Amino acid sequence: ALRSIPGCQDVTLPFWDELANMGVKPARPIPSVLTSPRFDLDG
């Protein structure tokens, strides 16, 4: 479905690598793009 959107035919679903930031302080196991209500793009 994501690839059906015009211009997005090569999109693939990424995986949230839940173990990538183990032990980092302050804790940030979740990429910030998932927790920010804003993303500036295309106006």
PDB file of all heavy atoms in Angstrom:
ATOM      1  N   ALA A   1       0.833  -1.205   0.000  1.00  0.00           N
ATOM      2  CA  ALA A   1       0.000   0.000   0.000  1.00  0.00           C
ATOM      3  C   ALA A   1       0.868   1.256   0.000  1.00  0.00           C
ATOM      4  O   ALA A   1       0.581   2.217  -0.731  1.00  0.00           O
ATOM      5  CB  ALA A   1      -0.930  -0.008   1.212  1.00  0.00           C
ATOM      6  N   LEU A   2       1.917   1.264   0.803  1.00  0.00           N
ATOM      7  CA  LEU A   2       2.828   2.413   0.826  1.00  0.00           C
ATOM      8  C   LEU A   2       3.435   2.654  -0.549  1.00  0.00           C
ATOM      9  O   LEU A   2       3.569   3.806  -0.994  1.00  0.00           O
ATOM     10  CB  LEU A   2       3.944   2.180   1.851  1.00  0.00           C
ATOM     11  CG  LEU A   2       3.549   2.124   3.324  1.00  0.00           C
ATOM     12  CD1 LEU A   2       4.738   1.692   4.181  1.00  0.00           C
ATOM     13  CD2 LEU A   2       3.021   3.474   3.808  1.00  0.00           C
ATOM     14  N   ARG A   3       3.775   1.591  -1.245  1.00  0.00           N
ATOM     15  CA  ARG A   3       4.413   1.702  -2.558  1.00  0.00           C
ATOM     16  C   ARG A   3       3.424   2.104  -3.652  1.00  0.00           C
ATOM     17  O   ARG A   3       3.836   2.409  -4.776  1.00  0.00           O
ATOM     18  CB  ARG A   3       5.101   0.376  -2.905  1.00  0.00           C
ATOM     19  CG  ARG A   3       6.291   0.073  -2.001  1.00  0.00           C
ATOM     20  CD  ARG A   3       6.705  -1.392  -2.051  1.00  0.00           C
ATOM     21  NE  ARG A   3       7.358  -1.753  -3.283  1.00  0.00           N
ATOM     22  CZ  ARG A   3       8.664  -1.751  -3.493  1.00  0.00           C
ATOM     23  NH1 ARG A   3       9.480  -1.378  -2.517  1.00  0.00           N
ATOM     24  NH2 ARG A   3       9.173  -2.111  -4.657  1.00  0.00           N
ATOM     25  N   SER A   4       2.131   2.093  -3.330  1.00  0.00           N
ATOM     26  CA  SER A   4       1.125   2.497  -4.315  1.00  0.00           C
ATOM     27  C   SER A   4       0.981   4.012  -4.404  1.00  0.00           C
ATOM     28  O   SER A   4       0.367   4.527  -5.350  1.00  0.00           O
ATOM     29  CB  SER A   4      -0.240   1.890  -3.954  1.00  0.00           C
ATOM     30  OG  SER A   4      -0.818   2.557  -2.829  1.00  0.00           O
ATOM     31  N   ILE A   5       1.538   4.745  -3.448  1.00  0.00           N
ATOM     32  CA  ILE A   5       1.462   6.200  -3.458  1.00  0.00           C
ATOM     33  C   ILE A   5       2.423   6.740  -4.520  1.00  0.00           C
ATOM     34  O   ILE A   5       3.591   6.333  -4.568  1.00  0.00           O
ATOM     35  CB  ILE A   5       1.807   6.767  -2.066  1.00  0.00           C
ATOM     36  CG1 ILE A   5       0.826   6.237  -1.018  1.00  0.00           C
ATOM     37  CG2 ILE A   5       1.816   8.289  -2.090  1.00  0.00           C
ATOM     38  CD1 ILE A   5      -0.632   6.560  -1.285  1.00  0.00           C
ATOM     39  N   PRO A   6       1.966   7.641  -5.392  1.00  0.00           N
ATOM     40  CA  PRO A   6       2.826   8.176  -6.469  1.00  0.00           C
ATOM     41  C   PRO A   6       4.151   8.718  -5.932  1.00  0.00           C
ATOM     42  O   PRO A   6       4.187   9.461  -4.948  1.00  0.00           O
ATOM     43  CB  PRO A   6       1.966   9.298  -7.059  1.00  0.00           C
ATOM     44  CG  PRO A   6       0.559   8.872  -6.799  1.00  0.00           C
ATOM     45  CD  PRO A   6       0.596   8.187  -5.464  1.00  0.00           C
ATOM     46  N   GLY A   7       5.233   8.290  -6.567  1.00  0.00           N
ATOM     47  CA  GLY A   7       6.564   8.711  -6.173  1.00  0.00           C
ATOM     48  C   GLY A   7       7.175   7.880  -5.065  1.00  0.00           C
ATOM     49  O   GLY A   7       8.332   8.105  -4.696  1.00  0.00           O
ATOM     50  N   CYS A   8       6.418   6.928  -4.524  1.00  0.00           N
ATOM     51  CA  CYS A   8       6.897   6.126  -3.394  1.00  0.00           C
ATOM     52  C   CYS A   8       7.013   4.649  -3.756  1.00  0.00           C
ATOM     53  O   CYS A   8       6.979   3.786  -2.883  1.00  0.00           O
ATOM     54  CB  CYS A   8       5.967   6.296  -2.195  1.00  0.00           C
ATOM     55  SG  CYS A   8       5.819   8.003  -1.608  1.00  0.00           S
ATOM     56  N   GLN A   9       7.142   4.358  -5.035  1.00  0.00           N
ATOM     57  CA  GLN A   9       7.108   2.970  -5.507  1.00  0.00           C
ATOM     58  C   GLN A   9       8.294   2.142  -5.022  1.00  0.00           C
ATOM     59  O   GLN A   9       8.253   0.908  -5.060  1.00  0.00           O
ATOM     60  CB  GLN A   9       7.036   2.915  -7.036  1.00  0.00           C
ATOM     61  CG  GLN A   9       8.216   3.534  -7.755  1.00  0.00           C
ATOM     62  CD  GLN A   9       8.058   5.043  -7.972  1.00  0.00           C
ATOM     63  OE1 GLN A   9       7.128   5.660  -7.453  1.00  0.00           O
ATOM     64  NE2 GLN A   9       8.964   5.605  -8.754  1.00  0.00           N
ATOM     65  N   ASP A  10       9.351   2.797  -4.536  1.00  0.00           N
ATOM     66  CA  ASP A  10      10.517   2.062  -4.042  1.00  0.00           C
ATOM     67  C   ASP A  10      10.596   2.029  -2.512  1.00  0.00           C
ATOM     68  O   ASP A  10      11.578   1.521  -1.953  1.00  0.00           O
ATOM     69  CB  ASP A  10      11.801   2.693  -4.599  1.00  0.00           C
ATOM     70  CG  ASP A  10      11.907   2.548  -6.104  1.00  0.00           C
ATOM     71  OD1 ASP A  10      11.443   1.528  -6.635  1.00  0.00           O
ATOM     72  OD2 ASP A  10      12.452   3.475  -6.745  1.00  0.00           O
ATOM     73  N   VAL A  11       9.582   2.549  -1.839  1.00  0.00           N
ATOM     74  CA  VAL A  11       9.594   2.570  -0.370  1.00  0.00           C
ATOM     75  C   VAL A  11       9.535   1.148   0.185  1.00  0.00           C
ATOM     76  O   VAL A  11       8.817   0.287  -0.333  1.00  0.00           O
ATOM     77  CB  VAL A  11       8.397   3.389   0.165  1.00  0.00           C
ATOM     78  CG1 VAL A  11       8.138   3.089   1.641  1.00  0.00           C
ATOM     79  CG2 VAL A  11       8.657   4.875  -0.021  1.00  0.00           C
ATOM     80  N   THR A  12      10.306   0.909   1.223  1.00  0.00           N
ATOM     81  CA  THR A  12      10.182  -0.340   1.975  1.00  0.00           C
ATOM     82  C   THR A  12       9.932   0.014   3.439  1.00  0.00           C
ATOM     83  O   THR A  12      10.318   1.087   3.914  1.00  0.00           O
ATOM     84  CB  THR A  12      11.447  -1.210   1.871  1.00  0.00           C
ATOM     85  OG1 THR A  12      12.601  -0.442   2.272  1.00  0.00           O
ATOM     86  CG2 THR A  12      11.636  -1.722   0.458  1.00  0.00           C
ATOM     87  N   LEU A  13       9.276  -0.874   4.129  1.00  0.00           N
ATOM     88  CA  LEU A  13       8.939  -0.640   5.529  1.00  0.00           C
ATOM     89  C   LEU A  13      10.188  -0.842   6.384  1.00  0.00           C
ATOM     90  O   LEU A  13      10.777  -1.921   6.384  1.00  0.00           O
ATOM     91  CB  LEU A  13       7.844  -1.609   5.960  1.00  0.00           C
ATOM     92  CG  LEU A  13       7.249  -1.405   7.349  1.00  0.00           C
ATOM     93  CD1 LEU A  13       6.517  -0.072   7.423  1.00  0.00           C
ATOM     94  CD2 LEU A  13       6.297  -2.551   7.690  1.00  0.00           C
ATOM     95  N   PRO A  14      10.619   0.160   7.137  1.00  0.00           N
ATOM     96  CA  PRO A  14      11.788  -0.037   7.997  1.00  0.00           C
ATOM     97  C   PRO A  14      11.417  -0.751   9.290  1.00  0.00           C
ATOM     98  O   PRO A  14      10.248  -0.792   9.679  1.00  0.00           O
ATOM     99  CB  PRO A  14      12.249   1.404   8.282  1.00  0.00           C
ATOM    100  CG  PRO A  14      11.001   2.214   8.218  1.00  0.00           C
ATOM    101  CD  PRO A  14      10.106   1.546   7.192  1.00  0.00           C
ATOM    102  N   PHE A  15      12.421  -1.313   9.947  1.00  0.00           N
ATOM    103  CA  PHE A  15      12.176  -1.930  11.246  1.00  0.00           C
ATOM    104  C   PHE A  15      12.763  -1.058  12.345  1.00  0.00           C
ATOM    105  O   PHE A  15      13.860  -0.520  12.207  1.00  0.00           O
ATOM    106  CB  PHE A  15      12.733  -3.361  11.320  1.00  0.00           C
ATOM    107  CG  PHE A  15      14.220  -3.501  11.097  1.00  0.00           C
ATOM    108  CD1 PHE A  15      15.099  -3.620  12.176  1.00  0.00           C
ATOM    109  CD2 PHE A  15      14.754  -3.562   9.819  1.00  0.00           C
ATOM    110  CE1 PHE A  15      16.470  -3.782  11.982  1.00  0.00           C
ATOM    111  CE2 PHE A  15      16.115  -3.725   9.603  1.00  0.00           C
ATOM    112  CZ  PHE A  15      16.977  -3.833  10.695  1.00  0.00           C
ATOM    113  N   TRP A  16      11.969  -0.876  13.405  1.00  0.00           N
ATOM    114  CA  TRP A  16      12.466  -0.191  14.591  1.00  0.00           C
ATOM    115  C   TRP A  16      13.392  -1.177  15.296  1.00  0.00           C
ATOM    116  O   TRP A  16      12.938  -2.161  15.862  1.00  0.00           O
ATOM    117  CB  TRP A  16      11.288   0.224  15.467  1.00  0.00           C
ATOM    118  CG  TRP A  16      11.625   0.573  16.885  1.00  0.00           C
ATOM    119  CD1 TRP A  16      12.816   1.027  17.361  1.00  0.00           C
ATOM    120  CD2 TRP A  16      10.761   0.477  18.023  1.00  0.00           C
ATOM    121  NE1 TRP A  16      12.744   1.231  18.723  1.00  0.00           N
ATOM    122  CE2 TRP A  16      11.504   0.900  19.153  1.00  0.00           C
ATOM    123  CE3 TRP A  16       9.422   0.091  18.195  1.00  0.00           C
ATOM    124  CZ2 TRP A  16      10.951   0.924  20.433  1.00  0.00           C
ATOM    125  CZ3 TRP A  16       8.884   0.123  19.473  1.00  0.00           C
ATOM    126  CH2 TRP A  16       9.643   0.540  20.573  1.00  0.00           C
ATOM    127  N   ASP A  17      14.690  -0.913  15.244  1.00  0.00           N
ATOM    128  CA  ASP A  17      15.673  -1.831  15.826  1.00  0.00           C
ATOM    129  C   ASP A  17      15.689  -1.628  17.337  1.00  0.00           C
ATOM    130  O   ASP A  17      16.438  -0.796  17.866  1.00  0.00           O
ATOM    131  CB  ASP A  17      17.059  -1.585  15.233  1.00  0.00           C
ATOM    132  CG  ASP A  17      18.016  -2.722  15.518  1.00  0.00           C
ATOM    133  OD1 ASP A  17      17.762  -3.488  16.466  1.00  0.00           O
ATOM    134  OD2 ASP A  17      19.018  -2.861  14.790  1.00  0.00           O
ATOM    135  N   GLU A  18      14.887  -2.403  18.025  1.00  0.00           N
ATOM    136  CA  GLU A  18      14.596  -2.162  19.430  1.00  0.00           C
ATOM    137  C   GLU A  18      15.793  -2.377  20.363  1.00  0.00           C
ATOM    138  O   GLU A  18      15.792  -1.902  21.497  1.00  0.00           O
ATOM    139  CB  GLU A  18      13.417  -3.038  19.854  1.00  0.00           C
ATOM    140  CG  GLU A  18      12.143  -2.633  19.114  1.00  0.00           C
ATOM    141  CD  GLU A  18      11.010  -3.634  19.210  1.00  0.00           C
ATOM    142  OE1 GLU A  18      11.171  -4.653  19.894  1.00  0.00           O
ATOM    143  OE2 GLU A  18       9.959  -3.378  18.583  1.00  0.00           O
ATOM    144  N   LEU A  19      16.813  -3.079  19.888  1.00  0.00           N
ATOM    145  CA  LEU A  19      17.985  -3.348  20.725  1.00  0.00           C
ATOM    146  C   LEU A  19      19.188  -2.498  20.328  1.00  0.00           C
ATOM    147  O   LEU A  19      20.267  -2.648  20.896  1.00  0.00           O
ATOM    148  CB  LEU A  19      18.361  -4.825  20.640  1.00  0.00           C
ATOM    149  CG  LEU A  19      17.257  -5.835  20.959  1.00  0.00           C
ATOM    150  CD1 LEU A  19      17.801  -7.254  20.897  1.00  0.00           C
ATOM    151  CD2 LEU A  19      16.640  -5.561  22.326  1.00  0.00           C
ATOM    152  N   ALA A  20      19.018  -1.596  19.369  1.00  0.00           N
ATOM    153  CA  ALA A  20      20.157  -0.863  18.812  1.00  0.00           C
ATOM    154  C   ALA A  20      20.798   0.095  19.807  1.00  0.00           C
ATOM    155  O   ALA A  20      22.003   0.342  19.741  1.00  0.00           O
ATOM    156  CB  ALA A  20      19.728  -0.102  17.558  1.00  0.00           C
ATOM    157  N   ASN A  21      20.017   0.671  20.716  1.00  0.00           N
ATOM    158  CA  ASN A  21      20.548   1.674  21.636  1.00  0.00           C
ATOM    159  C   ASN A  21      20.481   1.222  23.088  1.00  0.00           C
ATOM    160  O   ASN A  21      20.236   2.027  23.982  1.00  0.00           O
ATOM    161  CB  ASN A  21      19.781   2.990  21.463  1.00  0.00           C
ATOM    162  CG  ASN A  21      20.073   3.637  20.127  1.00  0.00           C
ATOM    163  OD1 ASN A  21      21.219   3.788  19.733  1.00  0.00           O
ATOM    164  ND2 ASN A  21      19.017   4.006  19.412  1.00  0.00           N
ATOM    165  N   MET A  22      20.710  -0.067  23.311  1.00  0.00           N
ATOM    166  CA  MET A  22      20.706  -0.599  24.670  1.00  0.00           C
ATOM    167  C   MET A  22      21.744   0.110  25.531  1.00  0.00           C
ATOM    168  O   MET A  22      22.897   0.275  25.126  1.00  0.00           O
ATOM    169  CB  MET A  22      21.008  -2.093  24.635  1.00  0.00           C
ATOM    170  CG  MET A  22      19.889  -2.932  24.064  1.00  0.00           C
ATOM    171  SD  MET A  22      18.515  -3.114  25.220  1.00  0.00           S
ATOM    172  CE  MET A  22      19.319  -3.965  26.563  1.00  0.00           C
ATOM    173  N   GLY A  23      21.334   0.553  26.710  1.00  0.00           N
ATOM    174  CA  GLY A  23      22.262   1.135  27.665  1.00  0.00           C
ATOM    175  C   GLY A  23      22.577   2.599  27.470  1.00  0.00           C
ATOM    176  O   GLY A  23      23.269   3.193  28.294  1.00  0.00           O
ATOM    177  N   VAL A  24      22.098   3.206  26.393  1.00  0.00           N
ATOM    178  CA  VAL A  24      22.370   4.617  26.147  1.00  0.00           C
ATOM    179  C   VAL A  24      21.608   5.463  27.166  1.00  0.00           C
ATOM    180  O   VAL A  24      20.446   5.204  27.455  1.00  0.00           O
ATOM    181  CB  VAL A  24      21.953   5.008  24.710  1.00  0.00           C
ATOM    182  CG1 VAL A  24      22.060   6.512  24.497  1.00  0.00           C
ATOM    183  CG2 VAL A  24      22.809   4.271  23.701  1.00  0.00           C
ATOM    184  N   LYS A  25      22.277   6.484  27.718  1.00  0.00           N
ATOM    185  CA  LYS A  25      21.648   7.374  28.685  1.00  0.00           C
ATOM    186  C   LYS A  25      21.785   8.818  28.215  1.00  0.00           C
ATOM    187  O   LYS A  25      22.864   9.210  27.780  1.00  0.00           O
ATOM    188  CB  LYS A  25      22.282   7.195  30.066  1.00  0.00           C
ATOM    189  CG  LYS A  25      22.184   5.792  30.614  1.00  0.00           C
ATOM    190  CD  LYS A  25      20.733   5.331  30.799  1.00  0.00           C
ATOM    191  CE  LYS A  25      20.665   3.899  31.325  1.00  0.00           C
ATOM    192  NZ  LYS A  25      19.290   3.377  31.379  1.00  0.00           N
ATOM    193  N   PRO A  26      20.729   9.635  28.295  1.00  0.00           N
ATOM    194  CA  PRO A  26      19.379   9.231  28.691  1.00  0.00           C
ATOM    195  C   PRO A  26      18.796   8.240  27.698  1.00  0.00           C
ATOM    196  O   PRO A  26      19.188   8.205  26.529  1.00  0.00           O
ATOM    197  CB  PRO A  26      18.593  10.551  28.693  1.00  0.00           C
ATOM    198  CG  PRO A  26      19.327  11.426  27.736  1.00  0.00           C
ATOM    199  CD  PRO A  26      20.769  11.059  27.894  1.00  0.00           C
ATOM    200  N   ALA A  27      17.861   7.438  28.185  1.00  0.00           N
ATOM    201  CA  ALA A  27      17.325   6.349  27.373  1.00  0.00           C
ATOM    202  C   ALA A  27      16.705   6.882  26.078  1.00  0.00           C
ATOM    203  O   ALA A  27      15.937   7.842  26.105  1.00  0.00           O
ATOM    204  CB  ALA A  27      16.283   5.576  28.175  1.00  0.00           C
ATOM    205  N   ARG A  28      17.031   6.245  24.960  1.00  0.00           N
ATOM    206  CA  ARG A  28      16.423   6.614  23.682  1.00  0.00           C
ATOM    207  C   ARG A  28      16.319   5.396  22.756  1.00  0.00           C
ATOM    208  O   ARG A  28      16.859   5.394  21.648  1.00  0.00           O
ATOM    209  CB  ARG A  28      17.212   7.732  23.007  1.00  0.00           C
ATOM    210  CG  ARG A  28      18.708   7.499  22.847  1.00  0.00           C
ATOM    211  CD  ARG A  28      19.373   8.702  22.178  1.00  0.00           C
ATOM    212  NE  ARG A  28      20.805   8.507  22.000  1.00  0.00           N
ATOM    213  CZ  ARG A  28      21.356   7.918  20.937  1.00  0.00           C
ATOM    214  NH1 ARG A  28      20.586   7.445  19.976  1.00  0.00           N
ATOM    215  NH2 ARG A  28      22.670   7.787  20.849  1.00  0.00           N
ATOM    216  N   PRO A  29      15.612   4.356  23.199  1.00  0.00           N
ATOM    217  CA  PRO A  29      15.448   3.192  22.324  1.00  0.00           C
ATOM    218  C   PRO A  29      14.533   3.462  21.133  1.00  0.00           C
ATOM    219  O   PRO A  29      14.567   2.712  20.158  1.00  0.00           O
ATOM    220  CB  PRO A  29      14.831   2.143  23.259  1.00  0.00           C
ATOM    221  CG  PRO A  29      14.120   2.941  24.306  1.00  0.00           C
ATOM    222  CD  PRO A  29      14.981   4.150  24.513  1.00  0.00           C
ATOM    223  N   ILE A  30      13.722   4.524  21.203  1.00  0.00           N
ATOM    224  CA  ILE A  30      12.780   4.817  20.127  1.00  0.00           C
ATOM    225  C   ILE A  30      13.333   5.936  19.261  1.00  0.00           C
ATOM    226  O   ILE A  30      13.628   7.030  19.771  1.00  0.00           O
ATOM    227  CB  ILE A  30      11.405   5.240  20.689  1.00  0.00           C
ATOM    228  CG1 ILE A  30      10.894   4.215  21.692  1.00  0.00           C
ATOM    229  CG2 ILE A  30      10.402   5.436  19.560  1.00  0.00           C
ATOM    230  CD1 ILE A  30       9.624   4.640  22.397  1.00  0.00           C
ATOM    231  N   PRO A  31      13.490   5.742  17.955  1.00  0.00           N
ATOM    232  CA  PRO A  31      13.956   6.828  17.074  1.00  0.00           C
ATOM    233  C   PRO A  31      13.044   8.046  17.209  1.00  0.00           C
ATOM    234  O   PRO A  31      11.821   7.931  17.296  1.00  0.00           O
ATOM    235  CB  PRO A  31      13.857   6.209  15.681  1.00  0.00           C
ATOM    236  CG  PRO A  31      13.988   4.738  15.910  1.00  0.00           C
ATOM    237  CD  PRO A  31      13.295   4.480  17.221  1.00  0.00           C
ATOM    238  N   SER A  32      13.634   9.218  17.212  1.00  0.00           N
ATOM    239  CA  SER A  32      12.879  10.435  17.496  1.00  0.00           C
ATOM    240  C   SER A  32      11.807  10.730  16.464  1.00  0.00           C
ATOM    241  O   SER A  32      10.824  11.423  16.772  1.00  0.00           O
ATOM    242  CB  SER A  32      13.830  11.634  17.599  1.00  0.00           C
ATOM    243  OG  SER A  32      14.526  11.845  16.377  1.00  0.00           O
ATOM    244  N   VAL A  33      11.943  10.191  15.257  1.00  0.00           N
ATOM    245  CA  VAL A  33      10.915  10.439  14.245  1.00  0.00           C
ATOM    246  C   VAL A  33       9.588   9.789  14.640  1.00  0.00           C
ATOM    247  O   VAL A  33       8.524  10.177  14.151  1.00  0.00           O
ATOM    248  CB  VAL A  33      11.379   9.936  12.860  1.00  0.00           C
ATOM    249  CG1 VAL A  33      11.412   8.401  12.810  1.00  0.00           C
ATOM    250  CG2 VAL A  33      10.486  10.491  11.745  1.00  0.00           C
ATOM    251  N   LEU A  34       9.613   8.835  15.546  1.00  0.00           N
ATOM    252  CA  LEU A  34       8.386   8.197  16.015  1.00  0.00           C
ATOM    253  C   LEU A  34       7.739   8.942  17.166  1.00  0.00           C
ATOM    254  O   LEU A  34       6.565   8.721  17.475  1.00  0.00           O
ATOM    255  CB  LEU A  34       8.667   6.755  16.454  1.00  0.00           C
ATOM    256  CG  LEU A  34       9.035   5.764  15.351  1.00  0.00           C
ATOM    257  CD1 LEU A  34       9.432   4.425  15.955  1.00  0.00           C
ATOM    258  CD2 LEU A  34       7.884   5.590  14.375  1.00  0.00           C
ATOM    259  N   THR A  35       8.489   9.831  17.821  1.00  0.00           N
ATOM    260  CA  THR A  35       7.958  10.503  19.010  1.00  0.00           C
ATOM    261  C   THR A  35       7.779  12.002  18.828  1.00  0.00           C
ATOM    262  O   THR A  35       7.334  12.686  19.751  1.00  0.00           O
ATOM    263  CB  THR A  35       8.881  10.258  20.223  1.00  0.00           C
ATOM    264  OG1 THR A  35      10.190  10.760  19.940  1.00  0.00           O
ATOM    265  CG2 THR A  35       8.951   8.774  20.560  1.00  0.00           C
ATOM    266  N   SER A  36       8.101  12.508  17.664  1.00  0.00           N
ATOM    267  CA  SER A  36       7.912  13.939  17.395  1.00  0.00           C
ATOM    268  C   SER A  36       6.627  14.149  16.605  1.00  0.00           C
ATOM    269  O   SER A  36       6.406  13.496  15.583  1.00  0.00           O
ATOM    270  CB  SER A  36       9.088  14.495  16.587  1.00  0.00           C
ATOM    271  OG  SER A  36       8.811  15.828  16.177  1.00  0.00           O
ATOM    272  N   PRO A  37       5.748  15.058  17.042  1.00  0.00           N
ATOM    273  CA  PRO A  37       4.504  15.293  16.298  1.00  0.00           C
ATOM    274  C   PRO A  37       4.699  16.080  15.016  1.00  0.00           C
ATOM    275  O   PRO A  37       3.764  16.219  14.218  1.00  0.00           O
ATOM    276  CB  PRO A  37       3.654  16.087  17.300  1.00  0.00           C
ATOM    277  CG  PRO A  37       4.641  16.774  18.178  1.00  0.00           C
ATOM    278  CD  PRO A  37       5.806  15.836  18.293  1.00  0.00           C
ATOM    279  N   ARG A  38       5.913  16.568  14.768  1.00  0.00           N
ATOM    280  CA  ARG A  38       6.178  17.410  13.595  1.00  0.00           C
ATOM    281  C   ARG A  38       7.203  16.766  12.674  1.00  0.00           C
ATOM    282  O   ARG A  38       8.188  16.191  13.124  1.00  0.00           O
ATOM    283  CB  ARG A  38       6.710  18.786  14.020  1.00  0.00           C
ATOM    284  CG  ARG A  38       5.814  19.522  15.000  1.00  0.00           C
ATOM    285  CD  ARG A  38       4.625  20.167  14.301  1.00  0.00           C
ATOM    286  NE  ARG A  38       3.843  20.961  15.229  1.00  0.00           N
ATOM    287  CZ  ARG A  38       2.770  20.514  15.879  1.00  0.00           C
ATOM    288  NH1 ARG A  38       2.379  19.245  15.721  1.00  0.00           N
ATOM    289  NH2 ARG A  38       2.111  21.298  16.700  1.00  0.00           N
ATOM    290  N   PHE A  39       6.947  16.904  11.382  1.00  0.00           N
ATOM    291  CA  PHE A  39       7.945  16.548  10.370  1.00  0.00           C
ATOM    292  C   PHE A  39       7.739  17.506   9.200  1.00  0.00           C
ATOM    293  O   PHE A  39       6.713  17.456   8.508  1.00  0.00           O
ATOM    294  CB  PHE A  39       7.802  15.100   9.896  1.00  0.00           C
ATOM    295  CG  PHE A  39       8.995  14.616   9.111  1.00  0.00           C
ATOM    296  CD1 PHE A  39       9.994  13.884   9.722  1.00  0.00           C
ATOM    297  CD2 PHE A  39       9.129  14.928   7.754  1.00  0.00           C
ATOM    298  CE1 PHE A  39      11.103  13.454   9.012  1.00  0.00           C
ATOM    299  CE2 PHE A  39      10.233  14.493   7.032  1.00  0.00           C
ATOM    300  CZ  PHE A  39      11.233  13.759   7.665  1.00  0.00           C
ATOM    301  N   ASP A  40       8.723  18.386   8.980  1.00  0.00           N
ATOM    302  CA  ASP A  40       8.617  19.394   7.934  1.00  0.00           C
ATOM    303  C   ASP A  40       8.972  18.802   6.580  1.00  0.00           C
ATOM    304  O   ASP A  40      10.108  18.371   6.351  1.00  0.00           O
ATOM    305  CB  ASP A  40       9.549  20.568   8.244  1.00  0.00           C
ATOM    306  CG  ASP A  40       9.125  21.332   9.487  1.00  0.00           C
ATOM    307  OD1 ASP A  40       7.911  21.560   9.644  1.00  0.00           O
ATOM    308  OD2 ASP A  40      10.002  21.686  10.307  1.00  0.00           O
ATOM    309  N   LEU A  41       7.980  18.786   5.693  1.00  0.00           N
ATOM    310  CA  LEU A  41       8.186  18.214   4.366  1.00  0.00           C
ATOM    311  C   LEU A  41       7.055  18.658   3.439  1.00  0.00           C
ATOM    312  O   LEU A  41       5.879  18.605   3.820  1.00  0.00           O
ATOM    313  CB  LEU A  41       8.226  16.679   4.442  1.00  0.00           C
ATOM    314  CG  LEU A  41       8.420  15.921   3.138  1.00  0.00           C
ATOM    315  CD1 LEU A  41       9.821  16.180   2.566  1.00  0.00           C
ATOM    316  CD2 LEU A  41       8.209  14.416   3.332  1.00  0.00           C
ATOM    317  N   ASP A  42       7.413  19.104   2.251  1.00  0.00           N
ATOM    318  CA  ASP A  42       6.439  19.473   1.222  1.00  0.00           C
ATOM    319  C   ASP A  42       5.454  20.530   1.711  1.00  0.00           C
ATOM    320  O   ASP A  42       4.255  20.497   1.396  1.00  0.00           O
ATOM    321  CB  ASP A  42       5.664  18.234   0.738  1.00  0.00           C
ATOM    322  CG  ASP A  42       6.566  17.170   0.142  1.00  0.00           C
ATOM    323  OD1 ASP A  42       7.665  17.523  -0.327  1.00  0.00           O
ATOM    324  OD2 ASP A  42       6.172  15.990   0.161  1.00  0.00           O
ATOM    325  N   GLY A  43       5.923  21.474   2.520  1.00  0.00           N
ATOM    326  CA  GLY A  43       5.065  22.542   2.994  1.00  0.00           C
ATOM    327  C   GLY A  43       4.126  22.149   4.109  1.00  0.00           C
ATOM    328  O   GLY A  43       3.220  22.921   4.459  1.00  0.00           O
TER     329      GLY A  43
END
